[in-house]
Amino acid sequence: MLPTLAADPESALVARAKAGDASAFTELLEMYDRRVYRVAKNILQNDEDAEDALQETFLKASRALGAFKGESRFSSWLYQIALNLCRD
């Protein structure tokens, strides 16, 4: 059985953000900013570079949100963006 939006707050926030709700996207940022930062810091080994990667990740995610198909969790998609940015 697929989870319902009520059972999956992440999916509900993504749907609202895709519909143009800026506060929903802000909530997603707040949910994942520290985790994305830790991923970037672990790879880059530098606080400033990790902060830059964090900002670039969320900028890229906001621009590409309309293309997010929901075939994976938003968090997985977001982490992949961060990983790709850190590798570049």
PDB file of N, CA and C in Angstrom:
ATOM      1  N   MET A   1       0.838  -1.175   0.000  1.00  0.00           N
ATOM      2  CA  MET A   1       0.000   0.000   0.000  1.00  0.00           C
ATOM      3  C   MET A   1       0.890   1.247   0.000  1.00  0.00           C
ATOM      4  N   LEU A   2       0.586   2.220  -0.833  1.00  0.00           N
ATOM      5  CA  LEU A   2       1.341   3.456  -0.904  1.00  0.00           C
ATOM      6  C   LEU A   2       0.970   4.353   0.267  1.00  0.00           C
ATOM      7  N   PRO A   3       1.962   5.104   0.797  1.00  0.00           N
ATOM      8  CA  PRO A   3       1.635   6.003   1.904  1.00  0.00           C
ATOM      9  C   PRO A   3       0.765   7.157   1.428  1.00  0.00           C
ATOM     10  N   THR A   4      -0.096   7.605   2.292  1.00  0.00           N
ATOM     11  CA  THR A   4      -0.922   8.754   1.960  1.00  0.00           C
ATOM     12  C   THR A   4      -0.149  10.028   2.284  1.00  0.00           C
ATOM     13  N   LEU A   5      -0.597  11.145   1.729  1.00  0.00           N
ATOM     14  CA  LEU A   5       0.067  12.407   2.008  1.00  0.00           C
ATOM     15  C   LEU A   5       0.069  12.716   3.500  1.00  0.00           C
ATOM     16  N   ALA A   6      -0.999  12.369   4.185  1.00  0.00           N
ATOM     17  CA  ALA A   6      -1.060  12.630   5.619  1.00  0.00           C
ATOM     18  C   ALA A   6      -0.019  11.809   6.362  1.00  0.00           C
ATOM     19  N   ALA A   7       0.275  10.603   5.868  1.00  0.00           N
ATOM     20  CA  ALA A   7       1.247   9.742   6.517  1.00  0.00           C
ATOM     21  C   ALA A   7       2.666  10.104   6.109  1.00  0.00           C
ATOM     22  N   ASP A   8       2.831  10.905   5.076  1.00  0.00           N
ATOM     23  CA  ASP A   8       4.143  11.265   4.582  1.00  0.00           C
ATOM     24  C   ASP A   8       4.243  12.779   4.445  1.00  0.00           C
ATOM     25  N   PRO A   9       4.647  13.443   5.534  1.00  0.00           N
ATOM     26  CA  PRO A   9       4.693  14.908   5.501  1.00  0.00           C
ATOM     27  C   PRO A   9       5.646  15.450   4.446  1.00  0.00           C
ATOM     28  N   GLU A  10       6.706  14.705   4.139  1.00  0.00           N
ATOM     29  CA  GLU A  10       7.643  15.149   3.107  1.00  0.00           C
ATOM     30  C   GLU A  10       6.936  15.269   1.758  1.00  0.00           C
ATOM     31  N   SER A  11       6.161  14.274   1.387  1.00  0.00           N
ATOM     32  CA  SER A  11       5.445  14.301   0.106  1.00  0.00           C
ATOM     33  C   SER A  11       4.436  15.441   0.060  1.00  0.00           C
ATOM     34  N   ALA A  12       3.772  15.676   1.173  1.00  0.00           N
ATOM     35  CA  ALA A  12       2.806  16.771   1.224  1.00  0.00           C
ATOM     36  C   ALA A  12       3.506  18.112   1.038  1.00  0.00           C
ATOM     37  N   LEU A  13       4.657  18.285   1.674  1.00  0.00           N
ATOM     38  CA  LEU A  13       5.411  19.531   1.519  1.00  0.00           C
ATOM     39  C   LEU A  13       5.913  19.705   0.093  1.00  0.00           C
ATOM     40  N   VAL A  14       6.389  18.617  -0.507  1.00  0.00           N
ATOM     41  CA  VAL A  14       6.863  18.683  -1.892  1.00  0.00           C
ATOM     42  C   VAL A  14       5.725  19.083  -2.818  1.00  0.00           C
ATOM     43  N   ALA A  15       4.566  18.485  -2.632  1.00  0.00           N
ATOM     44  CA  ALA A  15       3.414  18.818  -3.479  1.00  0.00           C
ATOM     45  C   ALA A  15       3.047  20.288  -3.336  1.00  0.00           C
ATOM     46  N   ARG A  16       3.051  20.782  -2.109  1.00  0.00           N
ATOM     47  CA  ARG A  16       2.745  22.201  -1.887  1.00  0.00           C
ATOM     48  C   ARG A  16       3.814  23.096  -2.506  1.00  0.00           C
ATOM     49  N   ALA A  17       5.075  22.720  -2.351  1.00  0.00           N
ATOM     50  CA  ALA A  17       6.171  23.514  -2.911  1.00  0.00           C
ATOM     51  C   ALA A  17       6.097  23.541  -4.434  1.00  0.00           C
ATOM     52  N   LYS A  18       5.799  22.399  -5.029  1.00  0.00           N
ATOM     53  CA  LYS A  18       5.678  22.342  -6.487  1.00  0.00           C
ATOM     54  C   LYS A  18       4.516  23.199  -6.982  1.00  0.00           C
ATOM     55  N   ALA A  19       3.515  23.382  -6.143  1.00  0.00           N
ATOM     56  CA  ALA A  19       2.355  24.215  -6.495  1.00  0.00           C
ATOM     57  C   ALA A  19       2.631  25.697  -6.260  1.00  0.00           C
ATOM     58  N   GLY A  20       3.850  26.005  -5.806  1.00  0.00           N
ATOM     59  CA  GLY A  20       4.229  27.401  -5.636  1.00  0.00           C
ATOM     60  C   GLY A  20       4.203  27.922  -4.213  1.00  0.00           C
ATOM     61  N   ASP A  21       4.003  27.055  -3.247  1.00  0.00           N
ATOM     62  CA  ASP A  21       3.963  27.468  -1.844  1.00  0.00           C
ATOM     63  C   ASP A  21       5.394  27.618  -1.321  1.00  0.00           C
ATOM     64  N   ALA A  22       5.868  28.852  -1.231  1.00  0.00           N
ATOM     65  CA  ALA A  22       7.244  29.118  -0.799  1.00  0.00           C
ATOM     66  C   ALA A  22       7.489  28.670   0.640  1.00  0.00           C
ATOM     67  N   SER A  23       6.475  28.755   1.486  1.00  0.00           N
ATOM     68  CA  SER A  23       6.660  28.342   2.880  1.00  0.00           C
ATOM     69  C   SER A  23       6.879  26.827   2.977  1.00  0.00           C
ATOM     70  N   ALA A  24       6.282  26.079   2.080  1.00  0.00           N
ATOM     71  CA  ALA A  24       6.488  24.623   2.073  1.00  0.00           C
ATOM     72  C   ALA A  24       7.922  24.311   1.687  1.00  0.00           C
ATOM     73  N   PHE A  25       8.461  25.025   0.692  1.00  0.00           N
ATOM     74  CA  PHE A  25       9.851  24.799   0.308  1.00  0.00           C
ATOM     75  C   PHE A  25      10.785  25.194   1.456  1.00  0.00           C
ATOM     76  N   THR A  26      10.457  26.264   2.155  1.00  0.00           N
ATOM     77  CA  THR A  26      11.251  26.673   3.316  1.00  0.00           C
ATOM     78  C   THR A  26      11.238  25.583   4.383  1.00  0.00           C
ATOM     79  N   GLU A  27      10.095  24.962   4.599  1.00  0.00           N
ATOM     80  CA  GLU A  27      10.017  23.861   5.570  1.00  0.00           C
ATOM     81  C   GLU A  27      10.907  22.695   5.150  1.00  0.00           C
ATOM     82  N   LEU A  28      10.912  22.393   3.844  1.00  0.00           N
ATOM     83  CA  LEU A  28      11.790  21.327   3.346  1.00  0.00           C
ATOM     84  C   LEU A  28      13.254  21.685   3.592  1.00  0.00           C
ATOM     85  N   LEU A  29      13.609  22.934   3.359  1.00  0.00           N
ATOM     86  CA  LEU A  29      14.981  23.379   3.613  1.00  0.00           C
ATOM     87  C   LEU A  29      15.338  23.173   5.079  1.00  0.00           C
ATOM     88  N   GLU A  30      14.427  23.560   5.946  1.00  0.00           N
ATOM     89  CA  GLU A  30      14.674  23.435   7.381  1.00  0.00           C
ATOM     90  C   GLU A  30      14.768  21.977   7.814  1.00  0.00           C
ATOM     91  N   MET A  31      14.035  21.103   7.133  1.00  0.00           N
ATOM     92  CA  MET A  31      14.091  19.674   7.464  1.00  0.00           C
ATOM     93  C   MET A  31      15.453  19.065   7.134  1.00  0.00           C
ATOM     94  N   TYR A  32      16.066  19.560   6.063  1.00  0.00           N
ATOM     95  CA  TYR A  32      17.251  18.886   5.538  1.00  0.00           C
ATOM     96  C   TYR A  32      18.534  19.702   5.541  1.00  0.00           C
ATOM     97  N   ASP A  33      18.508  20.950   5.976  1.00  0.00           N
ATOM     98  CA  ASP A  33      19.713  21.766   5.852  1.00  0.00           C
ATOM     99  C   ASP A  33      20.902  21.209   6.635  1.00  0.00           C
ATOM    100  N   ARG A  34      20.690  20.767   7.844  1.00  0.00           N
ATOM    101  CA  ARG A  34      21.815  20.244   8.639  1.00  0.00           C
ATOM    102  C   ARG A  34      22.323  18.916   8.072  1.00  0.00           C
ATOM    103  N   ARG A  35      21.426  18.094   7.595  1.00  0.00           N
ATOM    104  CA  ARG A  35      21.855  16.800   7.037  1.00  0.00           C
ATOM    105  C   ARG A  35      22.646  16.998   5.751  1.00  0.00           C
ATOM    106  N   VAL A  36      22.174  17.895   4.892  1.00  0.00           N
ATOM    107  CA  VAL A  36      22.893  18.172   3.645  1.00  0.00           C
ATOM    108  C   VAL A  36      24.249  18.784   3.968  1.00  0.00           C
ATOM    109  N   TYR A  37      24.283  19.668   4.957  1.00  0.00           N
ATOM    110  CA  TYR A  37      25.553  20.271   5.365  1.00  0.00           C
ATOM    111  C   TYR A  37      26.535  19.187   5.820  1.00  0.00           C
ATOM    112  N   ARG A  38      26.059  18.254   6.638  1.00  0.00           N
ATOM    113  CA  ARG A  38      26.948  17.187   7.133  1.00  0.00           C
ATOM    114  C   ARG A  38      27.492  16.325   5.999  1.00  0.00           C
ATOM    115  N   VAL A  39      26.647  16.025   5.023  1.00  0.00           N
ATOM    116  CA  VAL A  39      27.099  15.259   3.855  1.00  0.00           C
ATOM    117  C   VAL A  39      28.199  16.034   3.129  1.00  0.00           C
ATOM    118  N   ALA A  40      27.957  17.321   2.889  1.00  0.00           N
ATOM    119  CA  ALA A  40      28.929  18.153   2.178  1.00  0.00           C
ATOM    120  C   ALA A  40      30.224  18.289   2.991  1.00  0.00           C
ATOM    121  N   LYS A  41      30.104  18.493   4.272  1.00  0.00           N
ATOM    122  CA  LYS A  41      31.289  18.649   5.141  1.00  0.00           C
ATOM    123  C   LYS A  41      32.106  17.363   5.151  1.00  0.00           C
ATOM    124  N   ASN A  42      31.431  16.237   5.172  1.00  0.00           N
ATOM    125  CA  ASN A  42      32.117  14.946   5.179  1.00  0.00           C
ATOM    126  C   ASN A  42      32.940  14.766   3.893  1.00  0.00           C
ATOM    127  N   ILE A  43      32.406  15.213   2.783  1.00  0.00           N
ATOM    128  CA  ILE A  43      33.100  15.064   1.501  1.00  0.00           C
ATOM    129  C   ILE A  43      34.163  16.136   1.313  1.00  0.00           C
ATOM    130  N   LEU A  44      33.810  17.370   1.616  1.00  0.00           N
ATOM    131  CA  LEU A  44      34.681  18.500   1.298  1.00  0.00           C
ATOM    132  C   LEU A  44      35.703  18.822   2.390  1.00  0.00           C
ATOM    133  N   GLN A  45      35.421  18.396   3.616  1.00  0.00           N
ATOM    134  CA  GLN A  45      36.332  18.595   4.747  1.00  0.00           C
ATOM    135  C   GLN A  45      36.660  20.061   5.010  1.00  0.00           C
ATOM    136  N   ASN A  46      35.699  20.948   4.730  1.00  0.00           N
ATOM    137  CA  ASN A  46      35.928  22.372   4.919  1.00  0.00           C
ATOM    138  C   ASN A  46      34.581  23.039   5.181  1.00  0.00           C
ATOM    139  N   ASP A  47      34.515  23.832   6.254  1.00  0.00           N
ATOM    140  CA  ASP A  47      33.247  24.469   6.630  1.00  0.00           C
ATOM    141  C   ASP A  47      32.716  25.414   5.553  1.00  0.00           C
ATOM    142  N   GLU A  48      33.567  26.270   5.030  1.00  0.00           N
ATOM    143  CA  GLU A  48      33.118  27.240   4.033  1.00  0.00           C
ATOM    144  C   GLU A  48      32.646  26.562   2.756  1.00  0.00           C
ATOM    145  N   ASP A  49      33.399  25.564   2.301  1.00  0.00           N
ATOM    146  CA  ASP A  49      32.995  24.838   1.099  1.00  0.00           C
ATOM    147  C   ASP A  49      31.682  24.087   1.326  1.00  0.00           C
ATOM    148  N   ALA A  50      31.506  23.541   2.525  1.00  0.00           N
ATOM    149  CA  ALA A  50      30.264  22.834   2.847  1.00  0.00           C
ATOM    150  C   ALA A  50      29.083  23.802   2.859  1.00  0.00           C
ATOM    151  N   GLU A  51      29.275  24.999   3.410  1.00  0.00           N
ATOM    152  CA  GLU A  51      28.216  26.013   3.403  1.00  0.00           C
ATOM    153  C   GLU A  51      27.864  26.412   1.973  1.00  0.00           C
ATOM    154  N   ASP A  52      28.887  26.600   1.137  1.00  0.00           N
ATOM    155  CA  ASP A  52      28.642  26.942  -0.271  1.00  0.00           C
ATOM    156  C   ASP A  52      27.866  25.829  -0.971  1.00  0.00           C
ATOM    157  N   ALA A  53      28.261  24.583  -0.714  1.00  0.00           N
ATOM    158  CA  ALA A  53      27.576  23.439  -1.328  1.00  0.00           C
ATOM    159  C   ALA A  53      26.135  23.359  -0.853  1.00  0.00           C
ATOM    160  N   LEU A  54      25.897  23.654   0.417  1.00  0.00           N
ATOM    161  CA  LEU A  54      24.547  23.656   0.964  1.00  0.00           C
ATOM    162  C   LEU A  54      23.679  24.682   0.236  1.00  0.00           C
ATOM    163  N   GLN A  55      24.180  25.892   0.111  1.00  0.00           N
ATOM    164  CA  GLN A  55      23.421  26.939  -0.570  1.00  0.00           C
ATOM    165  C   GLN A  55      23.180  26.587  -2.032  1.00  0.00           C
ATOM    166  N   GLU A  56      24.196  26.080  -2.697  1.00  0.00           N
ATOM    167  CA  GLU A  56      24.064  25.725  -4.109  1.00  0.00           C
ATOM    168  C   GLU A  56      23.088  24.560  -4.293  1.00  0.00           C
ATOM    169  N   THR A  57      23.103  23.623  -3.353  1.00  0.00           N
ATOM    170  CA  THR A  57      22.171  22.485  -3.407  1.00  0.00           C
ATOM    171  C   THR A  57      20.731  22.964  -3.371  1.00  0.00           C
ATOM    172  N   PHE A  58      20.417  23.848  -2.435  1.00  0.00           N
ATOM    173  CA  PHE A  58      19.043  24.316  -2.314  1.00  0.00           C
ATOM    174  C   PHE A  58      18.652  25.241  -3.463  1.00  0.00           C
ATOM    175  N   LEU A  59      19.582  25.999  -3.974  1.00  0.00           N
ATOM    176  CA  LEU A  59      19.296  26.827  -5.143  1.00  0.00           C
ATOM    177  C   LEU A  59      18.970  25.942  -6.340  1.00  0.00           C
ATOM    178  N   LYS A  60      19.808  24.933  -6.547  1.00  0.00           N
ATOM    179  CA  LYS A  60      19.588  24.012  -7.667  1.00  0.00           C
ATOM    180  C   LYS A  60      18.267  23.247  -7.489  1.00  0.00           C
ATOM    181  N   ALA A  61      17.989  22.823  -6.263  1.00  0.00           N
ATOM    182  CA  ALA A  61      16.747  22.092  -5.987  1.00  0.00           C
ATOM    183  C   ALA A  61      15.530  22.976  -6.252  1.00  0.00           C
ATOM    184  N   SER A  62      15.610  24.244  -5.857  1.00  0.00           N
ATOM    185  CA  SER A  62      14.457  25.126  -6.075  1.00  0.00           C
ATOM    186  C   SER A  62      14.204  25.332  -7.567  1.00  0.00           C
ATOM    187  N   ARG A  63      15.264  25.405  -8.339  1.00  0.00           N
ATOM    188  CA  ARG A  63      15.121  25.597  -9.788  1.00  0.00           C
ATOM    189  C   ARG A  63      14.611  24.335 -10.487  1.00  0.00           C
ATOM    190  N   ALA A  64      14.953  23.177  -9.948  1.00  0.00           N
ATOM    191  CA  ALA A  64      14.612  21.908 -10.595  1.00  0.00           C
ATOM    192  C   ALA A  64      13.401  21.220  -9.964  1.00  0.00           C
ATOM    193  N   LEU A  65      12.784  21.846  -8.979  1.00  0.00           N
ATOM    194  CA  LEU A  65      11.684  21.199  -8.258  1.00  0.00           C
ATOM    195  C   LEU A  65      10.566  20.737  -9.177  1.00  0.00           C
ATOM    196  N   GLY A  66      10.269  21.506 -10.194  1.00  0.00           N
ATOM    197  CA  GLY A  66       9.208  21.126 -11.126  1.00  0.00           C
ATOM    198  C   GLY A  66       9.500  19.831 -11.864  1.00  0.00           C
ATOM    199  N   ALA A  67      10.787  19.496 -11.998  1.00  0.00           N
ATOM    200  CA  ALA A  67      11.184  18.270 -12.693  1.00  0.00           C
ATOM    201  C   ALA A  67      11.230  17.062 -11.751  1.00  0.00           C
ATOM    202  N   PHE A  68      11.100  17.301 -10.442  1.00  0.00           N
ATOM    203  CA  PHE A  68      11.113  16.190  -9.485  1.00  0.00           C
ATOM    204  C   PHE A  68       9.865  15.355  -9.693  1.00  0.00           C
ATOM    205  N   LYS A  69      10.057  14.087 -10.053  1.00  0.00           N
ATOM    206  CA  LYS A  69       8.939  13.210 -10.407  1.00  0.00           C
ATOM    207  C   LYS A  69       8.359  12.444  -9.228  1.00  0.00           C
ATOM    208  N   GLY A  70       9.050  12.432  -8.122  1.00  0.00           N
ATOM    209  CA  GLY A  70       8.558  11.709  -6.963  1.00  0.00           C
ATOM    210  C   GLY A  70       8.786  10.212  -7.037  1.00  0.00           C
ATOM    211  N   GLU A  71       9.665   9.778  -7.940  1.00  0.00           N
ATOM    212  CA  GLU A  71       9.961   8.348  -8.054  1.00  0.00           C
ATOM    213  C   GLU A  71      10.867   7.872  -6.913  1.00  0.00           C
ATOM    214  N   SER A  72      11.474   8.824  -6.229  1.00  0.00           N
ATOM    215  CA  SER A  72      12.255   8.549  -5.032  1.00  0.00           C
ATOM    216  C   SER A  72      11.820   9.560  -3.982  1.00  0.00           C
ATOM    217  N   ARG A  73      12.329   9.406  -2.786  1.00  0.00           N
ATOM    218  CA  ARG A  73      12.017  10.395  -1.755  1.00  0.00           C
ATOM    219  C   ARG A  73      12.695  11.709  -2.116  1.00  0.00           C
ATOM    220  N   PHE A  74      12.103  12.806  -1.731  1.00  0.00           N
ATOM    221  CA  PHE A  74      12.686  14.117  -1.951  1.00  0.00           C
ATOM    222  C   PHE A  74      14.076  14.183  -1.328  1.00  0.00           C
ATOM    223  N   SER A  75      14.215  13.629  -0.138  1.00  0.00           N
ATOM    224  CA  SER A  75      15.510  13.675   0.544  1.00  0.00           C
ATOM    225  C   SER A  75      16.587  12.958  -0.273  1.00  0.00           C
ATOM    226  N   SER A  76      16.275  11.844  -0.887  1.00  0.00           N
ATOM    227  CA  SER A  76      17.245  11.123  -1.723  1.00  0.00           C
ATOM    228  C   SER A  76      17.648  11.970  -2.922  1.00  0.00           C
ATOM    229  N   TRP A  77      16.670  12.606  -3.539  1.00  0.00           N
ATOM    230  CA  TRP A  77      16.915  13.483  -4.683  1.00  0.00           C
ATOM    231  C   TRP A  77      17.802  14.654  -4.270  1.00  0.00           C
ATOM    232  N   LEU A  78      17.503  15.229  -3.117  1.00  0.00           N
ATOM    233  CA  LEU A  78      18.267  16.360  -2.604  1.00  0.00           C
ATOM    234  C   LEU A  78      19.708  15.956  -2.287  1.00  0.00           C
ATOM    235  N   TYR A  79      19.888  14.822  -1.629  1.00  0.00           N
ATOM    236  CA  TYR A  79      21.236  14.353  -1.317  1.00  0.00           C
ATOM    237  C   TYR A  79      22.031  14.089  -2.591  1.00  0.00           C
ATOM    238  N   GLN A  80      21.374  13.591  -3.618  1.00  0.00           N
ATOM    239  CA  GLN A  80      22.072  13.329  -4.879  1.00  0.00           C
ATOM    240  C   GLN A  80      22.549  14.638  -5.506  1.00  0.00           C
ATOM    241  N   ILE A  81      21.733  15.667  -5.428  1.00  0.00           N
ATOM    242  CA  ILE A  81      22.157  16.983  -5.916  1.00  0.00           C
ATOM    243  C   ILE A  81      23.398  17.425  -5.152  1.00  0.00           C
ATOM    244  N   ALA A  82      23.358  17.305  -3.823  1.00  0.00           N
ATOM    245  CA  ALA A  82      24.499  17.713  -2.988  1.00  0.00           C
ATOM    246  C   ALA A  82      25.745  16.910  -3.328  1.00  0.00           C
ATOM    247  N   LEU A  83      25.594  15.604  -3.474  1.00  0.00           N
ATOM    248  CA  LEU A  83      26.748  14.760  -3.810  1.00  0.00           C
ATOM    249  C   LEU A  83      27.359  15.154  -5.139  1.00  0.00           C
ATOM    250  N   ASN A  84      26.514  15.396  -6.126  1.00  0.00           N
ATOM    251  CA  ASN A  84      27.022  15.787  -7.443  1.00  0.00           C
ATOM    252  C   ASN A  84      27.755  17.129  -7.378  1.00  0.00           C
ATOM    253  N   LEU A  85      27.222  18.063  -6.627  1.00  0.00           N
ATOM    254  CA  LEU A  85      27.882  19.362  -6.478  1.00  0.00           C
ATOM    255  C   LEU A  85      29.231  19.216  -5.773  1.00  0.00           C
ATOM    256  N   CYS A  86      29.288  18.396  -4.765  1.00  0.00           N
ATOM    257  CA  CYS A  86      30.543  18.192  -4.023  1.00  0.00           C
ATOM    258  C   CYS A  86      31.585  17.498  -4.897  1.00  0.00           C
ATOM    259  N   ARG A  87      31.155  16.614  -5.743  1.00  0.00           N
ATOM    260  CA  ARG A  87      32.105  15.924  -6.628  1.00  0.00           C
ATOM    261  C   ARG A  87      32.660  16.861  -7.692  1.00  0.00           C
ATOM    262  N   ASP A  88      31.839  17.845  -8.099  1.00  0.00           N
ATOM    263  CA  ASP A  88      32.290  18.815  -9.097  1.00  0.00           C
ATOM    264  C   ASP A  88      33.234  19.754  -8.423  1.00  0.00           C
TER     265      ASP A  88
END
